[in-house]
Amino acid sequence: MGGESEKTSLENLRSWVVQHKLRTVGALWLSGLAGSFAYNWSQPNMKTSVKIIHARLHAQALTLAALAGAAVVEYYDHKSGSKADRYASQFLPIDAHPHKD
């Protein structure tokens, strides 16, 4: 029924994340902020201003982690993925510069 050409759901998710990095980071930030707000609002002994500050800090840390992950994925794609072949074809080899004698 399923051949090797069919992608798994994890591969589909990975390819979508690679194509939509900023949307992924934004959605992760928004969900982190909402989750942190929900958690902080369940703490009765905190002032509202402290709850907001904590929610923002948690979301900011999650966003930095997501950006670092996106950078790692981008680096990996440039080194071993299809982007490596695409960019390599655009550059001349080192010894093939036209200005050399």
N, C-alpha and C. Protein backbone atom coordinates (compact mmCIF):
# COMPACT_ATOMS: atom_id res chain seq x y z
N MET A 1 0.82 -1.17 0.00
CA MET A 1 0.00 0.00 0.00
C MET A 1 0.87 1.25 0.00
N GLY A 2 1.78 1.39 0.96
CA GLY A 2 2.64 2.57 1.01
C GLY A 2 4.00 2.24 0.45
N GLY A 3 4.47 3.09 -0.43
CA GLY A 3 5.79 2.89 -1.01
C GLY A 3 6.82 3.74 -0.32
N GLU A 4 8.04 3.61 -0.76
CA GLU A 4 9.11 4.39 -0.17
C GLU A 4 9.02 5.86 -0.57
N SER A 5 8.30 6.17 -1.65
CA SER A 5 8.20 7.55 -2.09
C SER A 5 7.26 8.38 -1.21
N GLU A 6 6.41 7.71 -0.45
CA GLU A 6 5.50 8.44 0.43
C GLU A 6 6.25 8.93 1.66
N LYS A 7 6.00 10.18 2.03
CA LYS A 7 6.65 10.75 3.20
C LYS A 7 5.86 10.40 4.45
N THR A 8 6.56 10.25 5.54
CA THR A 8 5.87 10.06 6.81
C THR A 8 5.35 11.40 7.30
N SER A 9 4.49 11.35 8.28
CA SER A 9 3.93 12.60 8.79
C SER A 9 5.02 13.46 9.44
N LEU A 10 6.03 12.82 10.02
CA LEU A 10 7.13 13.59 10.61
C LEU A 10 7.94 14.31 9.53
N GLU A 11 8.18 13.65 8.40
CA GLU A 11 8.90 14.30 7.30
C GLU A 11 8.07 15.43 6.70
N ASN A 12 6.76 15.23 6.60
CA ASN A 12 5.89 16.29 6.10
C ASN A 12 5.92 17.50 7.04
N LEU A 13 5.87 17.24 8.35
CA LEU A 13 5.93 18.32 9.32
C LEU A 13 7.26 19.05 9.23
N ARG A 14 8.36 18.31 9.11
CA ARG A 14 9.69 18.92 9.00
C ARG A 14 9.79 19.80 7.76
N SER A 15 9.29 19.32 6.64
CA SER A 15 9.38 20.12 5.41
C SER A 15 8.52 21.38 5.52
N TRP A 16 7.36 21.28 6.19
CA TRP A 16 6.52 22.46 6.37
C TRP A 16 7.22 23.47 7.27
N VAL A 17 7.86 22.98 8.35
CA VAL A 17 8.56 23.88 9.26
C VAL A 17 9.73 24.56 8.55
N VAL A 18 10.44 23.83 7.71
CA VAL A 18 11.57 24.41 6.97
C VAL A 18 11.08 25.51 6.04
N GLN A 19 9.94 25.31 5.41
CA GLN A 19 9.41 26.32 4.48
C GLN A 19 8.78 27.50 5.20
N HIS A 20 8.29 27.30 6.42
CA HIS A 20 7.57 28.35 7.16
C HIS A 20 8.20 28.58 8.53
N LYS A 21 9.47 28.92 8.54
CA LYS A 21 10.20 29.08 9.81
C LYS A 21 9.62 30.20 10.67
N LEU A 22 9.36 31.34 10.09
CA LEU A 22 8.87 32.47 10.88
C LEU A 22 7.46 32.22 11.41
N ARG A 23 6.62 31.59 10.63
CA ARG A 23 5.29 31.24 11.13
C ARG A 23 5.38 30.26 12.28
N THR A 24 6.31 29.32 12.17
CA THR A 24 6.48 28.33 13.23
C THR A 24 6.95 28.99 14.52
N VAL A 25 7.94 29.87 14.41
CA VAL A 25 8.45 30.56 15.60
C VAL A 25 7.36 31.45 16.19
N GLY A 26 6.59 32.15 15.35
CA GLY A 26 5.51 33.00 15.84
C GLY A 26 4.41 32.19 16.53
N ALA A 27 4.05 31.07 15.95
CA ALA A 27 3.03 30.22 16.57
C ALA A 27 3.54 29.63 17.88
N LEU A 28 4.81 29.28 17.93
CA LEU A 28 5.39 28.77 19.16
C LEU A 28 5.42 29.84 20.23
N TRP A 29 5.75 31.07 19.85
CA TRP A 29 5.75 32.17 20.79
C TRP A 29 4.35 32.42 21.34
N LEU A 30 3.36 32.45 20.46
CA LEU A 30 1.99 32.71 20.88
C LEU A 30 1.47 31.61 21.79
N SER A 31 1.75 30.36 21.44
CA SER A 31 1.28 29.26 22.30
C SER A 31 2.03 29.25 23.63
N GLY A 32 3.32 29.60 23.62
CA GLY A 32 4.07 29.70 24.88
C GLY A 32 3.54 30.80 25.77
N LEU A 33 3.20 31.92 25.16
CA LEU A 33 2.65 33.04 25.92
C LEU A 33 1.29 32.66 26.52
N ALA A 34 0.44 32.03 25.72
CA ALA A 34 -0.89 31.63 26.21
C ALA A 34 -0.76 30.57 27.31
N GLY A 35 0.12 29.60 27.12
CA GLY A 35 0.31 28.57 28.14
C GLY A 35 0.87 29.14 29.43
N SER A 36 1.80 30.06 29.31
CA SER A 36 2.37 30.67 30.50
C SER A 36 1.35 31.55 31.22
N PHE A 37 0.54 32.28 30.46
CA PHE A 37 -0.54 33.04 31.08
C PHE A 37 -1.49 32.12 31.84
N ALA A 38 -1.86 31.01 31.22
CA ALA A 38 -2.77 30.07 31.86
C ALA A 38 -2.16 29.51 33.14
N TYR A 39 -0.89 29.16 33.10
CA TYR A 39 -0.24 28.63 34.29
C TYR A 39 -0.13 29.70 35.38
N ASN A 40 0.32 30.89 34.99
CA ASN A 40 0.52 31.95 35.98
C ASN A 40 -0.80 32.40 36.60
N TRP A 41 -1.89 32.36 35.85
CA TRP A 41 -3.17 32.78 36.40
C TRP A 41 -3.71 31.77 37.41
N SER A 42 -3.17 30.56 37.39
CA SER A 42 -3.60 29.56 38.38
C SER A 42 -2.85 29.73 39.70
N GLN A 43 -1.85 30.59 39.73
CA GLN A 43 -1.09 30.87 40.96
C GLN A 43 -1.76 32.03 41.69
N PRO A 44 -2.39 31.78 42.84
CA PRO A 44 -3.18 32.83 43.49
C PRO A 44 -2.36 33.88 44.24
N ASN A 45 -1.12 33.59 44.59
CA ASN A 45 -0.36 34.52 45.44
C ASN A 45 0.53 35.47 44.66
N MET A 46 0.31 35.62 43.36
CA MET A 46 1.15 36.51 42.55
C MET A 46 0.34 37.73 42.13
N LYS A 47 1.03 38.87 42.07
CA LYS A 47 0.38 40.07 41.56
C LYS A 47 0.22 39.94 40.04
N THR A 48 -0.73 40.66 39.49
CA THR A 48 -1.01 40.60 38.06
C THR A 48 0.20 41.03 37.24
N SER A 49 0.89 42.05 37.67
CA SER A 49 2.06 42.53 36.92
C SER A 49 3.15 41.45 36.88
N VAL A 50 3.33 40.72 37.97
CA VAL A 50 4.33 39.66 38.01
C VAL A 50 3.91 38.51 37.09
N LYS A 51 2.63 38.21 37.05
CA LYS A 51 2.13 37.16 36.16
C LYS A 51 2.42 37.50 34.70
N ILE A 52 2.19 38.75 34.33
CA ILE A 52 2.43 39.19 32.94
C ILE A 52 3.92 39.14 32.61
N ILE A 53 4.75 39.59 33.54
CA ILE A 53 6.20 39.58 33.31
C ILE A 53 6.70 38.15 33.16
N HIS A 54 6.24 37.25 34.01
CA HIS A 54 6.66 35.85 33.92
C HIS A 54 6.21 35.21 32.61
N ALA A 55 4.99 35.50 32.19
CA ALA A 55 4.49 34.95 30.93
C ALA A 55 5.33 35.44 29.76
N ARG A 56 5.69 36.71 29.76
CA ARG A 56 6.51 37.25 28.68
C ARG A 56 7.91 36.63 28.68
N LEU A 57 8.49 36.46 29.86
CA LEU A 57 9.82 35.88 29.95
C LEU A 57 9.83 34.41 29.49
N HIS A 58 8.80 33.67 29.87
CA HIS A 58 8.71 32.27 29.42
C HIS A 58 8.57 32.19 27.91
N ALA A 59 7.71 33.03 27.37
CA ALA A 59 7.51 33.03 25.91
C ALA A 59 8.78 33.47 25.19
N GLN A 60 9.51 34.42 25.76
CA GLN A 60 10.74 34.89 25.14
C GLN A 60 11.80 33.79 25.14
N ALA A 61 11.92 33.06 26.23
CA ALA A 61 12.88 31.95 26.29
C ALA A 61 12.51 30.86 25.29
N LEU A 62 11.23 30.56 25.17
CA LEU A 62 10.78 29.57 24.21
C LEU A 62 11.06 30.02 22.78
N THR A 63 10.89 31.31 22.51
CA THR A 63 11.17 31.85 21.18
C THR A 63 12.65 31.77 20.84
N LEU A 64 13.51 32.09 21.80
CA LEU A 64 14.95 31.98 21.55
C LEU A 64 15.35 30.54 21.27
N ALA A 65 14.75 29.60 21.99
CA ALA A 65 15.04 28.19 21.74
C ALA A 65 14.55 27.79 20.34
N ALA A 66 13.39 28.29 19.93
CA ALA A 66 12.86 27.98 18.60
C ALA A 66 13.74 28.58 17.51
N LEU A 67 14.23 29.80 17.72
CA LEU A 67 15.12 30.42 16.74
C LEU A 67 16.45 29.67 16.64
N ALA A 68 16.96 29.21 17.77
CA ALA A 68 18.18 28.42 17.75
C ALA A 68 17.94 27.10 17.00
N GLY A 69 16.79 26.48 17.23
CA GLY A 69 16.45 25.26 16.51
C GLY A 69 16.32 25.50 15.01
N ALA A 70 15.70 26.62 14.64
CA ALA A 70 15.57 26.95 13.21
C ALA A 70 16.93 27.19 12.58
N ALA A 71 17.85 27.79 13.33
CA ALA A 71 19.21 28.01 12.82
C ALA A 71 19.93 26.68 12.60
N VAL A 72 19.74 25.75 13.52
CA VAL A 72 20.36 24.43 13.37
C VAL A 72 19.79 23.71 12.15
N VAL A 73 18.48 23.78 11.96
CA VAL A 73 17.85 23.14 10.80
C VAL A 73 18.36 23.77 9.51
N GLU A 74 18.46 25.09 9.49
CA GLU A 74 18.95 25.79 8.29
C GLU A 74 20.40 25.40 8.00
N TYR A 75 21.23 25.33 9.04
CA TYR A 75 22.63 24.94 8.87
C TYR A 75 22.71 23.51 8.32
N TYR A 76 21.92 22.61 8.88
CA TYR A 76 21.92 21.22 8.43
C TYR A 76 21.47 21.12 6.97
N ASP A 77 20.43 21.89 6.61
CA ASP A 77 19.95 21.87 5.22
C ASP A 77 21.00 22.42 4.26
N HIS A 78 21.73 23.43 4.66
CA HIS A 78 22.77 23.99 3.79
C HIS A 78 23.93 23.03 3.62
N LYS A 79 24.24 22.27 4.65
CA LYS A 79 25.38 21.35 4.58
C LYS A 79 25.05 20.05 3.86
N SER A 80 23.87 19.51 4.06
CA SER A 80 23.61 18.18 3.53
C SER A 80 22.34 18.04 2.71
N GLY A 81 21.50 19.03 2.71
CA GLY A 81 20.22 18.90 2.03
C GLY A 81 20.27 19.33 0.59
N SER A 82 19.11 19.52 0.03
CA SER A 82 19.00 19.94 -1.37
C SER A 82 19.51 21.36 -1.57
N LYS A 83 19.52 22.16 -0.50
CA LYS A 83 20.03 23.52 -0.62
C LYS A 83 21.52 23.52 -0.90
N ALA A 84 22.24 22.53 -0.38
CA ALA A 84 23.68 22.46 -0.62
C ALA A 84 23.95 22.30 -2.11
N ASP A 85 23.19 21.45 -2.78
CA ASP A 85 23.36 21.25 -4.22
C ASP A 85 22.93 22.49 -5.00
N ARG A 86 21.84 23.11 -4.57
CA ARG A 86 21.34 24.29 -5.26
C ARG A 86 22.34 25.44 -5.18
N TYR A 87 22.91 25.69 -4.00
CA TYR A 87 23.85 26.78 -3.86
C TYR A 87 25.20 26.45 -4.48
N ALA A 88 25.60 25.19 -4.43
CA ALA A 88 26.89 24.81 -5.01
C ALA A 88 26.89 25.00 -6.52
N SER A 89 25.76 24.82 -7.17
CA SER A 89 25.70 24.97 -8.62
C SER A 89 25.78 26.44 -9.04
N GLN A 90 25.56 27.37 -8.12
CA GLN A 90 25.58 28.79 -8.46
C GLN A 90 26.98 29.40 -8.37
N PHE A 91 27.91 28.70 -7.77
CA PHE A 91 29.24 29.24 -7.59
C PHE A 91 30.24 28.52 -8.48
N LEU A 92 31.25 29.27 -8.93
CA LEU A 92 32.31 28.69 -9.73
C LEU A 92 33.27 27.92 -8.82
N PRO A 93 33.92 26.90 -9.34
CA PRO A 93 34.96 26.26 -8.53
C PRO A 93 36.08 27.24 -8.23
N ILE A 94 36.85 26.95 -7.20
CA ILE A 94 37.89 27.88 -6.75
C ILE A 94 38.92 28.15 -7.85
N ASP A 95 39.28 27.15 -8.63
CA ASP A 95 40.31 27.34 -9.65
C ASP A 95 39.75 27.82 -10.99
N ALA A 96 38.49 28.13 -11.08
CA ALA A 96 37.89 28.53 -12.35
C ALA A 96 37.52 30.01 -12.39
N HIS A 97 38.24 30.86 -11.68
CA HIS A 97 37.94 32.29 -11.69
C HIS A 97 38.45 32.90 -13.00
N PRO A 98 37.63 33.69 -13.68
CA PRO A 98 38.03 34.26 -14.97
C PRO A 98 39.11 35.32 -14.86
N HIS A 99 39.32 35.91 -13.69
CA HIS A 99 40.32 36.98 -13.57
C HIS A 99 41.72 36.44 -13.37
N LYS A 100 41.88 35.15 -13.16
CA LYS A 100 43.22 34.57 -13.00
C LYS A 100 43.89 34.39 -14.35
N ASP A 101 45.18 34.51 -14.39
CA ASP A 101 45.95 34.34 -15.65
C ASP A 101 46.24 32.89 -15.93
